[in-house]
Amino acid sequence: MSVYRKKQDEECVKQNEDFYNMNVHVSKLVEMKMMEETIRSMKSSMGIETQVIEK
């Protein structure tokens, strides 16, 4: 997986740094639900079992 960042991403993070109480730069924001579904889908297509853990 490769990650790159845009200048506007940096500016957005800087503008909202106090709101998110962050000390460091996050190069790419991630929607956790979408990431979980993507990983689950990839594992399924490779024949890997997925275990769901309830929180």
PDB file of N, CA and C in Angstrom:
ATOM      1  N   MET A   1       0.850  -1.168   0.000  1.00  0.00           N
ATOM      2  CA  MET A   1       0.000   0.000   0.000  1.00  0.00           C
ATOM      3  C   MET A   1       0.895   1.231   0.000  1.00  0.00           C
ATOM      4  N   SER A   2       0.579   2.187  -0.812  1.00  0.00           N
ATOM      5  CA  SER A   2       1.362   3.416  -0.821  1.00  0.00           C
ATOM      6  C   SER A   2       0.494   4.557  -0.313  1.00  0.00           C
ATOM      7  N   VAL A   3       1.156   5.532   0.260  1.00  0.00           N
ATOM      8  CA  VAL A   3       0.444   6.674   0.821  1.00  0.00           C
ATOM      9  C   VAL A   3       1.101   7.941   0.299  1.00  0.00           C
ATOM     10  N   TYR A   4       0.301   8.852  -0.159  1.00  0.00           N
ATOM     11  CA  TYR A   4       0.829  10.152  -0.514  1.00  0.00           C
ATOM     12  C   TYR A   4      -0.124  11.192   0.039  1.00  0.00           C
ATOM     13  N   ARG A   5       0.361  12.381   0.195  1.00  0.00           N
ATOM     14  CA  ARG A   5      -0.494  13.417   0.755  1.00  0.00           C
ATOM     15  C   ARG A   5      -0.503  14.632  -0.159  1.00  0.00           C
ATOM     16  N   LYS A   6      -1.570  15.359  -0.062  1.00  0.00           N
ATOM     17  CA  LYS A   6      -1.726  16.570  -0.854  1.00  0.00           C
ATOM     18  C   LYS A   6      -1.484  17.771   0.042  1.00  0.00           C
ATOM     19  N   LYS A   7      -1.105  18.863  -0.566  1.00  0.00           N
ATOM     20  CA  LYS A   7      -0.891  20.105   0.175  1.00  0.00           C
ATOM     21  C   LYS A   7      -2.175  20.495   0.907  1.00  0.00           C
ATOM     22  N   GLN A   8      -3.329  20.325   0.262  1.00  0.00           N
ATOM     23  CA  GLN A   8      -4.592  20.708   0.893  1.00  0.00           C
ATOM     24  C   GLN A   8      -4.896  19.831   2.111  1.00  0.00           C
ATOM     25  N   ASP A   9      -4.436  18.558   2.102  1.00  0.00           N
ATOM     26  CA  ASP A   9      -4.613  17.693   3.271  1.00  0.00           C
ATOM     27  C   ASP A   9      -3.852  18.265   4.462  1.00  0.00           C
ATOM     28  N   GLU A  10      -2.621  18.712   4.207  1.00  0.00           N
ATOM     29  CA  GLU A  10      -1.803  19.292   5.273  1.00  0.00           C
ATOM     30  C   GLU A  10      -2.475  20.537   5.836  1.00  0.00           C
ATOM     31  N   GLU A  11      -2.991  21.390   4.953  1.00  0.00           N
ATOM     32  CA  GLU A  11      -3.640  22.623   5.391  1.00  0.00           C
ATOM     33  C   GLU A  11      -4.891  22.320   6.205  1.00  0.00           C
ATOM     34  N   CYS A  12      -5.666  21.328   5.782  1.00  0.00           N
ATOM     35  CA  CYS A  12      -6.880  20.932   6.499  1.00  0.00           C
ATOM     36  C   CYS A  12      -6.535  20.462   7.906  1.00  0.00           C
ATOM     37  N   VAL A  13      -5.507  19.641   8.020  1.00  0.00           N
ATOM     38  CA  VAL A  13      -5.102  19.128   9.329  1.00  0.00           C
ATOM     39  C   VAL A  13      -4.615  20.271  10.205  1.00  0.00           C
ATOM     40  N   LYS A  14      -3.823  21.181   9.643  1.00  0.00           N
ATOM     41  CA  LYS A  14      -3.316  22.317  10.422  1.00  0.00           C
ATOM     42  C   LYS A  14      -4.467  23.182  10.925  1.00  0.00           C
ATOM     43  N   GLN A  15      -5.475  23.407  10.074  1.00  0.00           N
ATOM     44  CA  GLN A  15      -6.615  24.241  10.454  1.00  0.00           C
ATOM     45  C   GLN A  15      -7.438  23.598  11.561  1.00  0.00           C
ATOM     46  N   ASN A  16      -7.498  22.278  11.585  1.00  0.00           N
ATOM     47  CA  ASN A  16      -8.331  21.566  12.548  1.00  0.00           C
ATOM     48  C   ASN A  16      -7.534  20.918  13.670  1.00  0.00           C
ATOM     49  N   GLU A  17      -6.263  21.271  13.785  1.00  0.00           N
ATOM     50  CA  GLU A  17      -5.385  20.623  14.755  1.00  0.00           C
ATOM     51  C   GLU A  17      -5.908  20.771  16.184  1.00  0.00           C
ATOM     52  N   ASP A  18      -6.347  21.961  16.541  1.00  0.00           N
ATOM     53  CA  ASP A  18      -6.856  22.166  17.899  1.00  0.00           C
ATOM     54  C   ASP A  18      -8.127  21.361  18.134  1.00  0.00           C
ATOM     55  N   PHE A  19      -8.991  21.313  17.128  1.00  0.00           N
ATOM     56  CA  PHE A  19     -10.245  20.573  17.251  1.00  0.00           C
ATOM     57  C   PHE A  19      -9.982  19.094  17.496  1.00  0.00           C
ATOM     58  N   TYR A  20      -9.053  18.526  16.754  1.00  0.00           N
ATOM     59  CA  TYR A  20      -8.750  17.106  16.884  1.00  0.00           C
ATOM     60  C   TYR A  20      -7.700  16.828  17.952  1.00  0.00           C
ATOM     61  N   ASN A  21      -7.121  17.882  18.525  1.00  0.00           N
ATOM     62  CA  ASN A  21      -6.107  17.759  19.567  1.00  0.00           C
ATOM     63  C   ASN A  21      -4.957  16.855  19.105  1.00  0.00           C
ATOM     64  N   MET A  22      -4.418  17.168  17.933  1.00  0.00           N
ATOM     65  CA  MET A  22      -3.337  16.363  17.366  1.00  0.00           C
ATOM     66  C   MET A  22      -2.018  17.114  17.477  1.00  0.00           C
ATOM     67  N   ASN A  23      -0.968  16.370  17.767  1.00  0.00           N
ATOM     68  CA  ASN A  23       0.370  16.940  17.826  1.00  0.00           C
ATOM     69  C   ASN A  23       1.154  16.645  16.560  1.00  0.00           C
ATOM     70  N   VAL A  24       0.730  15.651  15.809  1.00  0.00           N
ATOM     71  CA  VAL A  24       1.464  15.233  14.621  1.00  0.00           C
ATOM     72  C   VAL A  24       0.559  15.280  13.404  1.00  0.00           C
ATOM     73  N   HIS A  25       1.181  15.245  12.250  1.00  0.00           N
ATOM     74  CA  HIS A  25       0.440  15.294  10.993  1.00  0.00           C
ATOM     75  C   HIS A  25      -0.049  13.906  10.599  1.00  0.00           C
ATOM     76  N   VAL A  26      -1.301  13.815  10.222  1.00  0.00           N
ATOM     77  CA  VAL A  26      -1.856  12.573   9.692  1.00  0.00           C
ATOM     78  C   VAL A  26      -1.913  12.753   8.180  1.00  0.00           C
ATOM     79  N   SER A  27      -1.195  11.902   7.450  1.00  0.00           N
ATOM     80  CA  SER A  27      -1.091  12.115   6.007  1.00  0.00           C
ATOM     81  C   SER A  27      -2.379  11.788   5.257  1.00  0.00           C
ATOM     82  N   LYS A  28      -3.175  10.871   5.770  1.00  0.00           N
ATOM     83  CA  LYS A  28      -4.407  10.507   5.079  1.00  0.00           C
ATOM     84  C   LYS A  28      -5.447  10.071   6.107  1.00  0.00           C
ATOM     85  N   LEU A  29      -6.602  10.710   6.104  1.00  0.00           N
ATOM     86  CA  LEU A  29      -7.672  10.327   7.010  1.00  0.00           C
ATOM     87  C   LEU A  29      -8.369   9.084   6.464  1.00  0.00           C
ATOM     88  N   VAL A  30      -8.814   8.213   7.344  1.00  0.00           N
ATOM     89  CA  VAL A  30      -9.397   6.935   6.939  1.00  0.00           C
ATOM     90  C   VAL A  30     -10.779   6.781   7.551  1.00  0.00           C
ATOM     91  N   GLU A  31     -11.733   6.319   6.753  1.00  0.00           N
ATOM     92  CA  GLU A  31     -13.047   5.960   7.269  1.00  0.00           C
ATOM     93  C   GLU A  31     -12.969   4.499   7.687  1.00  0.00           C
ATOM     94  N   MET A  32     -13.012   4.259   8.998  1.00  0.00           N
ATOM     95  CA  MET A  32     -12.794   2.915   9.533  1.00  0.00           C
ATOM     96  C   MET A  32     -13.791   1.895   8.993  1.00  0.00           C
ATOM     97  N   LYS A  33     -15.063   2.251   8.915  1.00  0.00           N
ATOM     98  CA  LYS A  33     -16.076   1.299   8.440  1.00  0.00           C
ATOM     99  C   LYS A  33     -15.762   0.857   7.012  1.00  0.00           C
ATOM    100  N   MET A  34     -15.410   1.819   6.161  1.00  0.00           N
ATOM    101  CA  MET A  34     -15.087   1.499   4.774  1.00  0.00           C
ATOM    102  C   MET A  34     -13.828   0.625   4.698  1.00  0.00           C
ATOM    103  N   MET A  35     -12.833   0.923   5.530  1.00  0.00           N
ATOM    104  CA  MET A  35     -11.608   0.137   5.530  1.00  0.00           C
ATOM    105  C   MET A  35     -11.889  -1.299   5.975  1.00  0.00           C
ATOM    106  N   GLU A  36     -12.697  -1.458   7.026  1.00  0.00           N
ATOM    107  CA  GLU A  36     -13.045  -2.797   7.511  1.00  0.00           C
ATOM    108  C   GLU A  36     -13.765  -3.598   6.429  1.00  0.00           C
ATOM    109  N   GLU A  37     -14.720  -2.963   5.747  1.00  0.00           N
ATOM    110  CA  GLU A  37     -15.469  -3.648   4.693  1.00  0.00           C
ATOM    111  C   GLU A  37     -14.557  -4.039   3.532  1.00  0.00           C
ATOM    112  N   THR A  38     -13.616  -3.164   3.188  1.00  0.00           N
ATOM    113  CA  THR A  38     -12.681  -3.453   2.097  1.00  0.00           C
ATOM    114  C   THR A  38     -11.787  -4.629   2.448  1.00  0.00           C
ATOM    115  N   ILE A  39     -11.253  -4.639   3.657  1.00  0.00           N
ATOM    116  CA  ILE A  39     -10.387  -5.736   4.099  1.00  0.00           C
ATOM    117  C   ILE A  39     -11.173  -7.038   4.131  1.00  0.00           C
ATOM    118  N   ARG A  40     -12.400  -6.980   4.666  1.00  0.00           N
ATOM    119  CA  ARG A  40     -13.244  -8.168   4.726  1.00  0.00           C
ATOM    120  C   ARG A  40     -13.514  -8.715   3.318  1.00  0.00           C
ATOM    121  N   SER A  41     -13.792  -7.819   2.382  1.00  0.00           N
ATOM    122  CA  SER A  41     -14.061  -8.216   1.002  1.00  0.00           C
ATOM    123  C   SER A  41     -12.828  -8.850   0.357  1.00  0.00           C
ATOM    124  N   MET A  42     -11.665  -8.261   0.598  1.00  0.00           N
ATOM    125  CA  MET A  42     -10.422  -8.794   0.032  1.00  0.00           C
ATOM    126  C   MET A  42     -10.114 -10.171   0.614  1.00  0.00           C
ATOM    127  N   LYS A  43     -10.299 -10.309   1.923  1.00  0.00           N
ATOM    128  CA  LYS A  43     -10.038 -11.599   2.563  1.00  0.00           C
ATOM    129  C   LYS A  43     -10.986 -12.660   2.025  1.00  0.00           C
ATOM    130  N   SER A  44     -12.237 -12.282   1.822  1.00  0.00           N
ATOM    131  CA  SER A  44     -13.240 -13.213   1.311  1.00  0.00           C
ATOM    132  C   SER A  44     -12.879 -13.682  -0.098  1.00  0.00           C
ATOM    133  N   SER A  45     -12.433 -12.757  -0.930  1.00  0.00           N
ATOM    134  CA  SER A  45     -12.084 -13.120  -2.309  1.00  0.00           C
ATOM    135  C   SER A  45     -10.837 -14.000  -2.365  1.00  0.00           C
ATOM    136  N   MET A  46     -10.011 -13.960  -1.307  1.00  0.00           N
ATOM    137  CA  MET A  46      -8.815 -14.806  -1.249  1.00  0.00           C
ATOM    138  C   MET A  46      -9.079 -16.109  -0.508  1.00  0.00           C
ATOM    139  N   GLY A  47     -10.321 -16.275  -0.021  1.00  0.00           N
ATOM    140  CA  GLY A  47     -10.675 -17.500   0.686  1.00  0.00           C
ATOM    141  C   GLY A  47     -10.193 -17.531   2.124  1.00  0.00           C
ATOM    142  N   ILE A  48      -9.953 -16.367   2.700  1.00  0.00           N
ATOM    143  CA  ILE A  48      -9.510 -16.277   4.092  1.00  0.00           C
ATOM    144  C   ILE A  48     -10.731 -16.008   4.960  1.00  0.00           C
ATOM    145  N   GLU A  49     -10.888 -16.795   6.039  1.00  0.00           N
ATOM    146  CA  GLU A  49     -12.030 -16.613   6.936  1.00  0.00           C
ATOM    147  C   GLU A  49     -11.889 -15.318   7.721  1.00  0.00           C
ATOM    148  N   THR A  50     -13.002 -14.648   7.927  1.00  0.00           N
ATOM    149  CA  THR A  50     -13.016 -13.410   8.702  1.00  0.00           C
ATOM    150  C   THR A  50     -13.787 -13.639   9.983  1.00  0.00           C
ATOM    151  N   GLN A  51     -13.172 -13.274  11.091  1.00  0.00           N
ATOM    152  CA  GLN A  51     -13.820 -13.400  12.392  1.00  0.00           C
ATOM    153  C   GLN A  51     -14.278 -12.017  12.828  1.00  0.00           C
ATOM    154  N   VAL A  52     -15.557 -11.890  13.137  1.00  0.00           N
ATOM    155  CA  VAL A  52     -16.105 -10.618  13.584  1.00  0.00           C
ATOM    156  C   VAL A  52     -16.097 -10.597  15.099  1.00  0.00           C
ATOM    157  N   ILE A  53     -15.504  -9.561  15.663  1.00  0.00           N
ATOM    158  CA  ILE A  53     -15.442  -9.401  17.115  1.00  0.00           C
ATOM    159  C   ILE A  53     -16.347  -8.237  17.484  1.00  0.00           C
ATOM    160  N   GLU A  54     -17.355  -8.508  18.284  1.00  0.00           N
ATOM    161  CA  GLU A  54     -18.281  -7.466  18.725  1.00  0.00           C
ATOM    162  C   GLU A  54     -17.626  -6.628  19.807  1.00  0.00           C
ATOM    163  N   LYS A  55     -17.885  -5.330  19.751  1.00  0.00           N
ATOM    164  CA  LYS A  55     -17.320  -4.412  20.755  1.00  0.00           C
ATOM    165  C   LYS A  55     -18.300  -4.191  21.868  1.00  0.00           C
TER     166      LYS A  55
END
